[in-house]
Amino acid sequence: GGITRIASITQLIVPTMAVLYFIATIAVLAVNIQAIPSAIYLMLTDAIGMSALSGGILGSLITGIQRAAFSNEAGLGSSAIAHAAAKSAYSARAGCVALLEPFIDTVVICFLTGLMITVTGVYTLDTVSGVVMTSTAFKTVISWFPVVLAVIIALFAYSTILTWSYYAERCWRYLFGPRYIIIFHGLFCLGIFIGGISDLNTVIQLSDLLLLSMAVPNLIGLY
């Protein structure tokens, strides 16, 4: 159905899951409100203190940049494909929306997630990592929310697959024309299948490499 069908689906999925996640995170923080100042202090001192310097600040920066790019795509040039299809009377308005997206995603959602993980103390657990850590943090206050979180993540993954398929399809059309689009659809579905049965670390490392390969020419072009 193209960008129209994708937009009609994602404009329902994305705000719903973001609002649900935001409300649940605020609920966890409200229960642990007394621990918030010390948690922020801990996050800042660990990020810019001597422990960060001695622990390899360059490695920390690289990891942070990788996760940030994975989170909001800022600097990759991909979101321009979606915004170019938006119907807006003022291009500057579409640009402002594009600026707002990484702010909501990273500055608001990711900061609240990090704060929640810190105030609940689950970051000290060696047995959990990644989204399991986030789920455990929610569980300390809302016992049933990990189930909702699993649904949110599934919707996030689905909407991401839809959006990136559109990005890649437009690029394929530019390179090879519309005649061979069926080949792209086959390759894309095959890629999803292979990724689904592959080792997660391998998929993440490949994604980081490919995202970097997008960022380099895009940033050179911007400068």
Foldseek 3Di string as FASTA:
>chain_A
DALVVLCVQCVVLVVVLLVVLLVLLVQLCVVLVVCQVVLVVVVVCCLPHPVCVVVDVPVVVLVVVLVLCVFQVPLLPQVVLSLVPDDDPDSVVSVVVSVVRSCCRPVPNVVSLSSLLRSQVLVPDPVDDDVRSSLVSSCVRPVPCSVVVVVSVVSVVVSVLSSVLNSVLVVCCVVPNPPCSVVSVVVSVVVVVCCVPDDVVVNSVVVSVVSVVSNVVSVVVVD
